[in-house]
Amino acid sequence: MNDYYNNAYFWQKVDTLYFSSKIIITYEKGEAHKDFKNMIYPVQYGTLVDLVDDQDLGISVFRGSRDSNRVDALILAADVLKKDLEPKLLVGCTEEEELDILHFLNQSDLQKTILVRRGSELPSWANTD
C-alpha cells in the first residue's frame, strides 16, 4: 500500500506548477486577515494567479522563512461555508511554520485542514516512460 502515496512524480509536477506561475503576495507575516482581525498570518501568504483556467481564483501559497522555492508540503482545506476543498502550497516552510499554518487555518469550525508532506518515493506504477 505504501506504493500508492507521496509519489515523487506528483511533487515534481507541483514544483513545475509553482515555478511556471506568478505569485502575488497579499499578506505579509504578522499581518491580520482583513475580515477576521484575530487571525494573524504566520508567514507570507499569496496566490498563484496566471493559471490556464481563467475561472479559477488561483492556488493559495504560504511562503516560509527558508530560502527555498521547493514545495515542501501542501494543505488540503475542507471549507463547509464555501462547500469546497482547496489545496494550499507550502514553500520554504520550517516544520514549526507548517504547524503554525495548520493552527492558523484550523481556528474556525467552518474549515479544517490536513498537511501532506513531500515524499521522495518513485513507485514503479508511476513511471510513464
C-alpha atoms as a PDB file:
ATOM      1  CA  MET A   1       0.000   0.000   0.000  1.00  0.00           C
ATOM      2  CA  ASN A   2       2.932   2.350   0.655  1.00  0.00           C
ATOM      3  CA  ASP A   3       3.475   2.433  -3.123  1.00  0.00           C
ATOM      4  CA  TYR A   4       0.301   4.489  -3.697  1.00  0.00           C
ATOM      5  CA  TYR A   5       1.012   7.695  -1.840  1.00  0.00           C
ATOM      6  CA  ASN A   6       3.508  10.523  -1.721  1.00  0.00           C
ATOM      7  CA  ASN A   7       4.738   9.880  -5.234  1.00  0.00           C
ATOM      8  CA  ALA A   8       7.853  11.919  -6.127  1.00  0.00           C
ATOM      9  CA  TYR A   9       6.492  12.460  -9.654  1.00  0.00           C
ATOM     10  CA  PHE A  10       3.458  14.205  -8.154  1.00  0.00           C
ATOM     11  CA  TRP A  11       5.727  16.606  -6.255  1.00  0.00           C
ATOM     12  CA  GLN A  12       7.736  17.237  -9.413  1.00  0.00           C
ATOM     13  CA  LYS A  13       4.528  18.385 -11.127  1.00  0.00           C
ATOM     14  CA  VAL A  14       3.581  20.575  -8.151  1.00  0.00           C
ATOM     15  CA  ASP A  15       7.012  22.234  -8.317  1.00  0.00           C
ATOM     16  CA  THR A  16       6.538  22.829 -12.056  1.00  0.00           C
ATOM     17  CA  LEU A  17       3.133  24.401 -11.402  1.00  0.00           C
ATOM     18  CA  TYR A  18       4.672  26.706  -8.799  1.00  0.00           C
ATOM     19  CA  PHE A  19       7.752  27.648 -10.876  1.00  0.00           C
ATOM     20  CA  SER A  20       5.715  28.348 -14.006  1.00  0.00           C
ATOM     21  CA  SER A  21       3.171  30.601 -12.298  1.00  0.00           C
ATOM     22  CA  LYS A  22       3.157  34.142 -10.991  1.00  0.00           C
ATOM     23  CA  ILE A  23       2.590  34.651  -7.274  1.00  0.00           C
ATOM     24  CA  ILE A  24       1.021  37.739  -5.775  1.00  0.00           C
ATOM     25  CA  ILE A  25       1.689  38.173  -2.044  1.00  0.00           C
ATOM     26  CA  THR A  26      -1.420  39.554  -0.336  1.00  0.00           C
ATOM     27  CA  TYR A  27      -0.397  39.263   3.333  1.00  0.00           C
ATOM     28  CA  GLU A  28       2.989  39.612   4.973  1.00  0.00           C
ATOM     29  CA  LYS A  29       3.990  37.621   8.037  1.00  0.00           C
ATOM     30  CA  GLY A  30       2.358  39.181  11.112  1.00  0.00           C
ATOM     31  CA  GLU A  31      -0.478  40.936   9.262  1.00  0.00           C
ATOM     32  CA  ALA A  32      -4.072  40.432  10.353  1.00  0.00           C
ATOM     33  CA  HIS A  33      -6.690  38.997   7.998  1.00  0.00           C
ATOM     34  CA  LYS A  34      -8.822  41.835   6.573  1.00  0.00           C
ATOM     35  CA  ASP A  35     -12.121  40.323   7.774  1.00  0.00           C
ATOM     36  CA  PHE A  36     -11.016  38.319  10.811  1.00  0.00           C
ATOM     37  CA  LYS A  37      -8.654  40.583  12.779  1.00  0.00           C
ATOM     38  CA  ASN A  38      -7.807  37.861  15.314  1.00  0.00           C
ATOM     39  CA  MET A  39      -6.237  35.743  12.539  1.00  0.00           C
ATOM     40  CA  ILE A  40      -2.577  36.743  12.158  1.00  0.00           C
ATOM     41  CA  TYR A  41      -0.669  35.308   9.205  1.00  0.00           C
ATOM     42  CA  PRO A  42       2.295  33.230  10.476  1.00  0.00           C
ATOM     43  CA  VAL A  43       4.208  33.537   7.159  1.00  0.00           C
ATOM     44  CA  GLN A  44       3.753  35.333   3.837  1.00  0.00           C
ATOM     45  CA  TYR A  45       0.543  34.397   2.034  1.00  0.00           C
ATOM     46  CA  GLY A  46      -0.266  34.797  -1.626  1.00  0.00           C
ATOM     47  CA  THR A  47      -1.896  33.297  -4.674  1.00  0.00           C
ATOM     48  CA  LEU A  48      -0.696  31.791  -7.935  1.00  0.00           C
ATOM     49  CA  VAL A  49      -2.656  33.850 -10.432  1.00  0.00           C
ATOM     50  CA  ASP A  50      -1.708  33.081 -14.034  1.00  0.00           C
ATOM     51  CA  LEU A  51      -3.289  29.669 -14.321  1.00  0.00           C
ATOM     52  CA  VAL A  52      -4.753  28.274 -17.531  1.00  0.00           C
ATOM     53  CA  ASP A  53      -8.285  28.013 -16.143  1.00  0.00           C
ATOM     54  CA  ASP A  54      -9.463  31.632 -16.065  1.00  0.00           C
ATOM     55  CA  GLN A  55     -12.444  30.585 -13.922  1.00  0.00           C
ATOM     56  CA  ASP A  56     -10.046  29.596 -11.165  1.00  0.00           C
ATOM     57  CA  LEU A  57      -9.369  32.081  -8.387  1.00  0.00           C
ATOM     58  CA  GLY A  58      -5.794  30.850  -8.045  1.00  0.00           C
ATOM     59  CA  ILE A  59      -3.937  28.490  -5.769  1.00  0.00           C
ATOM     60  CA  SER A  60      -3.051  29.624  -2.263  1.00  0.00           C
ATOM     61  CA  VAL A  61       0.628  29.698  -1.274  1.00  0.00           C
ATOM     62  CA  PHE A  62       2.228  30.081   2.139  1.00  0.00           C
ATOM     63  CA  ARG A  63       5.916  31.173   1.869  1.00  0.00           C
ATOM     64  CA  GLY A  64       8.075  30.433   4.867  1.00  0.00           C
ATOM     65  CA  SER A  65      11.392  31.783   6.088  1.00  0.00           C
ATOM     66  CA  ARG A  66      13.694  29.235   4.437  1.00  0.00           C
ATOM     67  CA  ASP A  67      15.479  30.322   1.265  1.00  0.00           C
ATOM     68  CA  SER A  68      13.840  27.694  -0.913  1.00  0.00           C
ATOM     69  CA  ASN A  69      11.460  27.631  -3.862  1.00  0.00           C
ATOM     70  CA  ARG A  70      10.586  23.962  -3.448  1.00  0.00           C
ATOM     71  CA  VAL A  71       7.056  22.997  -2.463  1.00  0.00           C
ATOM     72  CA  ASP A  72       7.712  21.015   0.724  1.00  0.00           C
ATOM     73  CA  ALA A  73       4.124  20.260   1.678  1.00  0.00           C
ATOM     74  CA  LEU A  74       0.560  21.023   0.844  1.00  0.00           C
ATOM     75  CA  ILE A  75      -2.513  21.535   2.897  1.00  0.00           C
ATOM     76  CA  LEU A  76      -5.942  20.385   1.882  1.00  0.00           C
ATOM     77  CA  ALA A  77      -8.699  22.505   3.401  1.00  0.00           C
ATOM     78  CA  ALA A  78     -12.322  21.393   3.709  1.00  0.00           C
ATOM     79  CA  ASP A  79     -14.487  24.515   3.918  1.00  0.00           C
ATOM     80  CA  VAL A  80     -18.165  23.902   4.687  1.00  0.00           C
ATOM     81  CA  LEU A  81     -19.097  27.569   4.222  1.00  0.00           C
ATOM     82  CA  LYS A  82     -17.731  27.615   0.653  1.00  0.00           C
ATOM     83  CA  LYS A  83     -18.676  23.948   0.115  1.00  0.00           C
ATOM     84  CA  ASP A  84     -15.186  23.432  -1.258  1.00  0.00           C
ATOM     85  CA  LEU A  85     -11.923  21.508  -0.960  1.00  0.00           C
ATOM     86  CA  GLU A  86      -8.931  23.726  -1.560  1.00  0.00           C
ATOM     87  CA  PRO A  87      -5.222  22.923  -1.881  1.00  0.00           C
ATOM     88  CA  LYS A  88      -2.665  25.303  -0.379  1.00  0.00           C
ATOM     89  CA  LEU A  89       1.047  25.065  -1.216  1.00  0.00           C
ATOM     90  CA  LEU A  90       3.725  25.450   1.468  1.00  0.00           C
ATOM     91  CA  VAL A  91       7.025  26.740   0.089  1.00  0.00           C
ATOM     92  CA  GLY A  92      10.206  27.175   2.122  1.00  0.00           C
ATOM     93  CA  CYS A  93       8.483  26.481   5.432  1.00  0.00           C
ATOM     94  CA  THR A  94      10.178  25.072   8.519  1.00  0.00           C
ATOM     95  CA  GLU A  95       8.351  22.364  10.487  1.00  0.00           C
ATOM     96  CA  GLU A  96       7.440  24.991  13.099  1.00  0.00           C
ATOM     97  CA  GLU A  97       5.973  27.240  10.388  1.00  0.00           C
ATOM     98  CA  GLU A  98       3.997  24.286   8.997  1.00  0.00           C
ATOM     99  CA  LEU A  99       2.445  23.741  12.437  1.00  0.00           C
ATOM    100  CA  ASP A 100       1.765  27.491  12.814  1.00  0.00           C
ATOM    101  CA  ILE A 101      -0.023  27.465   9.430  1.00  0.00           C
ATOM    102  CA  LEU A 102      -2.102  24.450  10.468  1.00  0.00           C
ATOM    103  CA  HIS A 103      -3.102  26.227  13.687  1.00  0.00           C
ATOM    104  CA  PHE A 104      -3.904  29.404  11.714  1.00  0.00           C
ATOM    105  CA  LEU A 105      -6.136  27.536   9.231  1.00  0.00           C
ATOM    106  CA  ASN A 106      -7.920  25.389  11.827  1.00  0.00           C
ATOM    107  CA  GLN A 107      -9.163  28.274  14.020  1.00  0.00           C
ATOM    108  CA  SER A 108     -12.664  28.139  12.533  1.00  0.00           C
ATOM    109  CA  ASP A 109     -15.222  25.388  12.970  1.00  0.00           C
ATOM    110  CA  LEU A 110     -16.197  26.012   9.325  1.00  0.00           C
ATOM    111  CA  GLN A 111     -12.807  24.948   7.927  1.00  0.00           C
ATOM    112  CA  LYS A 112     -10.481  22.085   8.838  1.00  0.00           C
ATOM    113  CA  THR A 113      -7.236  21.109   7.168  1.00  0.00           C
ATOM    114  CA  ILE A 114      -4.694  18.325   6.814  1.00  0.00           C
ATOM    115  CA  LEU A 115      -0.989  18.550   5.986  1.00  0.00           C
ATOM    116  CA  VAL A 116       0.704  16.332   3.400  1.00  0.00           C
ATOM    117  CA  ARG A 117       4.500  16.476   3.497  1.00  0.00           C
ATOM    118  CA  ARG A 118       6.590  15.883   0.409  1.00  0.00           C
ATOM    119  CA  GLY A 119       7.702  12.338  -0.271  1.00  0.00           C
ATOM    120  CA  SER A 120      10.581  11.071  -2.369  1.00  0.00           C
ATOM    121  CA  GLU A 121       9.498   7.581  -3.379  1.00  0.00           C
ATOM    122  CA  LEU A 122       9.285   6.663  -7.053  1.00  0.00           C
ATOM    123  CA  PRO A 123       6.663   3.912  -7.294  1.00  0.00           C
ATOM    124  CA  SER A 124       7.055   1.568 -10.240  1.00  0.00           C
ATOM    125  CA  TRP A 125       3.445   2.094 -11.392  1.00  0.00           C
ATOM    126  CA  ALA A 126       4.027   5.848 -11.802  1.00  0.00           C
ATOM    127  CA  ASN A 127       6.795   5.587 -14.386  1.00  0.00           C
ATOM    128  CA  THR A 128       5.370   6.675 -17.755  1.00  0.00           C
ATOM    129  CA  ASP A 129       8.478   6.018 -19.889  1.00  0.00           C
END
